[in-house]
């Protein structure tokens, strides 16, 4: 809802700001968008963590432990994901073969 409201607001105001008979900003209308983007970019840099290459389980652990956003890339996660069964516990391996008849295509 707020995205739609912001889009409608921008669509109504930008032509008025650019139009020479109204505000006559022309290309200077970019400064209107530049002004709020600077503090937003600074906020996002310091408060949003980098999640590249992390699994959901690792991210959940980091958020639960309250680690700072800037230290997410250096965080070492020690999570026991699964226990691997011994060879004795496994059944005979089964080969799965998919035979597709391409002559019908």
C-alpha atoms as a PDB file:
ATOM      1  CA  UNK A   1       0.000   0.000   0.000  1.00  0.00           C
ATOM      2  CA  UNK A   2       2.745   2.473   0.879  1.00  0.00           C
ATOM      3  CA  UNK A   3       4.637   1.612  -2.319  1.00  0.00           C
ATOM      4  CA  UNK A   4       1.554   2.447  -4.381  1.00  0.00           C
ATOM      5  CA  UNK A   5       1.043   5.708  -2.499  1.00  0.00           C
ATOM      6  CA  UNK A   6       4.676   6.734  -3.002  1.00  0.00           C
ATOM      7  CA  UNK A   7       4.504   5.873  -6.709  1.00  0.00           C
ATOM      8  CA  UNK A   8       1.350   7.955  -7.157  1.00  0.00           C
ATOM      9  CA  UNK A   9       2.931  10.860  -5.292  1.00  0.00           C
ATOM     10  CA  UNK A  10       6.083  10.777  -7.423  1.00  0.00           C
ATOM     11  CA  UNK A  11       4.061  10.427 -10.637  1.00  0.00           C
ATOM     12  CA  UNK A  12       2.059  13.537  -9.729  1.00  0.00           C
ATOM     13  CA  UNK A  13       4.895  15.709  -8.410  1.00  0.00           C
ATOM     14  CA  UNK A  14       7.763  15.081 -10.843  1.00  0.00           C
ATOM     15  CA  UNK A  15       6.027  16.596 -13.903  1.00  0.00           C
ATOM     16  CA  UNK A  16       5.155  19.670 -11.833  1.00  0.00           C
ATOM     17  CA  UNK A  17       8.760  20.014 -10.641  1.00  0.00           C
ATOM     18  CA  UNK A  18      10.197  19.639 -14.162  1.00  0.00           C
ATOM     19  CA  UNK A  19       7.666  21.814 -16.007  1.00  0.00           C
ATOM     20  CA  UNK A  20       9.051  25.319 -16.818  1.00  0.00           C
ATOM     21  CA  UNK A  21       5.699  26.986 -16.105  1.00  0.00           C
ATOM     22  CA  UNK A  22       5.549  25.531 -12.573  1.00  0.00           C
ATOM     23  CA  UNK A  23       8.662  24.810 -10.468  1.00  0.00           C
ATOM     24  CA  UNK A  24      11.107  24.916 -13.424  1.00  0.00           C
ATOM     25  CA  UNK A  25      13.665  22.603 -11.821  1.00  0.00           C
ATOM     26  CA  UNK A  26      14.425  20.655 -14.980  1.00  0.00           C
ATOM     27  CA  UNK A  27      17.396  18.339 -14.408  1.00  0.00           C
ATOM     28  CA  UNK A  28      17.839  19.747 -10.891  1.00  0.00           C
ATOM     29  CA  UNK A  29      14.917  17.547  -9.842  1.00  0.00           C
ATOM     30  CA  UNK A  30      17.573  14.845  -9.304  1.00  0.00           C
ATOM     31  CA  UNK A  31      18.651  16.691  -6.142  1.00  0.00           C
ATOM     32  CA  UNK A  32      15.155  16.083  -4.740  1.00  0.00           C
ATOM     33  CA  UNK A  33      15.822  12.343  -4.958  1.00  0.00           C
ATOM     34  CA  UNK A  34      19.498  12.599  -4.012  1.00  0.00           C
ATOM     35  CA  UNK A  35      18.826  14.286  -0.665  1.00  0.00           C
ATOM     36  CA  UNK A  36      16.926  11.399   0.993  1.00  0.00           C
ATOM     37  CA  UNK A  37      19.057   8.732  -0.679  1.00  0.00           C
ATOM     38  CA  UNK A  38      22.270   9.796   1.114  1.00  0.00           C
ATOM     39  CA  UNK A  39      21.053   9.195   4.697  1.00  0.00           C
ATOM     40  CA  UNK A  40      19.207   6.067   3.553  1.00  0.00           C
ATOM     41  CA  UNK A  41      22.395   4.664   2.027  1.00  0.00           C
ATOM     42  CA  UNK A  42      24.393   5.396   5.180  1.00  0.00           C
ATOM     43  CA  UNK A  43      21.735   3.736   7.341  1.00  0.00           C
ATOM     44  CA  UNK A  44      21.634   0.639   5.117  1.00  0.00           C
ATOM     45  CA  UNK A  45      25.429   0.314   5.084  1.00  0.00           C
ATOM     46  CA  UNK A  46      25.704   0.258   8.867  1.00  0.00           C
ATOM     47  CA  UNK A  47      22.461  -1.479   9.851  1.00  0.00           C
ATOM     48  CA  UNK A  48      21.785  -4.088   7.144  1.00  0.00           C
ATOM     49  CA  UNK A  49      23.954  -7.216   7.321  1.00  0.00           C
ATOM     50  CA  UNK A  50      25.683  -8.801   4.348  1.00  0.00           C
ATOM     51  CA  UNK A  51      24.119 -12.225   3.814  1.00  0.00           C
ATOM     52  CA  UNK A  52      26.099 -13.430   0.807  1.00  0.00           C
ATOM     53  CA  UNK A  53      26.971 -17.122   0.965  1.00  0.00           C
ATOM     54  CA  UNK A  54      25.094 -17.823   4.212  1.00  0.00           C
ATOM     55  CA  UNK A  55      22.427 -20.451   4.739  1.00  0.00           C
ATOM     56  CA  UNK A  56      19.129 -19.679   6.439  1.00  0.00           C
ATOM     57  CA  UNK A  57      20.232 -21.634   9.483  1.00  0.00           C
ATOM     58  CA  UNK A  58      23.440 -19.604   9.810  1.00  0.00           C
ATOM     59  CA  UNK A  59      21.532 -16.322   9.426  1.00  0.00           C
ATOM     60  CA  UNK A  60      19.005 -17.358  12.047  1.00  0.00           C
ATOM     61  CA  UNK A  61      21.814 -18.222  14.455  1.00  0.00           C
ATOM     62  CA  UNK A  62      23.568 -14.892  13.885  1.00  0.00           C
ATOM     63  CA  UNK A  63      20.369 -12.901  14.434  1.00  0.00           C
ATOM     64  CA  UNK A  64      19.525 -14.880  17.580  1.00  0.00           C
ATOM     65  CA  UNK A  65      22.994 -14.255  19.034  1.00  0.00           C
ATOM     66  CA  UNK A  66      22.644 -10.537  18.284  1.00  0.00           C
ATOM     67  CA  UNK A  67      25.837 -10.143  16.307  1.00  0.00           C
ATOM     68  CA  UNK A  68      26.326  -6.669  14.769  1.00  0.00           C
ATOM     69  CA  UNK A  69      25.445  -6.189  11.103  1.00  0.00           C
ATOM     70  CA  UNK A  70      28.996  -5.247  10.058  1.00  0.00           C
ATOM     71  CA  UNK A  71      30.478  -8.408  11.593  1.00  0.00           C
ATOM     72  CA  UNK A  72      28.280 -10.887   9.692  1.00  0.00           C
ATOM     73  CA  UNK A  73      31.015 -11.551   7.124  1.00  0.00           C
ATOM     74  CA  UNK A  74      33.562 -12.482   9.832  1.00  0.00           C
ATOM     75  CA  UNK A  75      31.174 -14.554  11.948  1.00  0.00           C
ATOM     76  CA  UNK A  76      32.101 -18.241  12.297  1.00  0.00           C
ATOM     77  CA  UNK A  77      29.021 -20.407  12.652  1.00  0.00           C
ATOM     78  CA  UNK A  78      29.377 -23.725  14.441  1.00  0.00           C
ATOM     79  CA  UNK A  79      26.154 -25.561  13.748  1.00  0.00           C
ATOM     80  CA  UNK A  80      25.638 -29.304  13.791  1.00  0.00           C
ATOM     81  CA  UNK A  81      23.505 -29.734  10.709  1.00  0.00           C
ATOM     82  CA  UNK A  82      23.084 -33.503  10.535  1.00  0.00           C
ATOM     83  CA  UNK A  83      24.479 -36.725  11.864  1.00  0.00           C
ATOM     84  CA  UNK A  84      25.838 -39.051   9.209  1.00  0.00           C
ATOM     85  CA  UNK A  85      24.872 -42.694   9.539  1.00  0.00           C
ATOM     86  CA  UNK A  86      27.485 -45.423   9.670  1.00  0.00           C
ATOM     87  CA  UNK A  87      27.961 -47.694   6.679  1.00  0.00           C
ATOM     88  CA  UNK A  88      26.467 -50.595   8.644  1.00  0.00           C
ATOM     89  CA  UNK A  89      23.191 -48.729   9.091  1.00  0.00           C
ATOM     90  CA  UNK A  90      22.675 -48.107   5.395  1.00  0.00           C
ATOM     91  CA  UNK A  91      20.771 -50.390   3.104  1.00  0.00           C
ATOM     92  CA  UNK A  92      22.102 -51.550  -0.229  1.00  0.00           C
ATOM     93  CA  UNK A  93      22.637 -48.658  -2.625  1.00  0.00           C
ATOM     94  CA  UNK A  94      19.993 -48.362  -5.301  1.00  0.00           C
ATOM     95  CA  UNK A  95      20.663 -47.044  -8.774  1.00  0.00           C
ATOM     96  CA  UNK A  96      17.962 -44.792 -10.159  1.00  0.00           C
ATOM     97  CA  UNK A  97      17.761 -44.894 -13.925  1.00  0.00           C
ATOM     98  CA  UNK A  98      15.558 -42.615 -15.984  1.00  0.00           C
ATOM     99  CA  UNK A  99      14.906 -43.935 -19.465  1.00  0.00           C
ATOM    100  CA  UNK A 100      13.203 -41.447 -21.719  1.00  0.00           C
ATOM    101  CA  UNK A 101      11.943 -42.370 -25.144  1.00  0.00           C
ATOM    102  CA  UNK A 102      12.725 -39.369 -27.357  1.00  0.00           C
ATOM    103  CA  UNK A 103      11.245 -40.928 -30.485  1.00  0.00           C
ATOM    104  CA  UNK A 104       7.769 -39.747 -29.441  1.00  0.00           C
ATOM    105  CA  UNK A 105       8.807 -36.106 -29.432  1.00  0.00           C
END
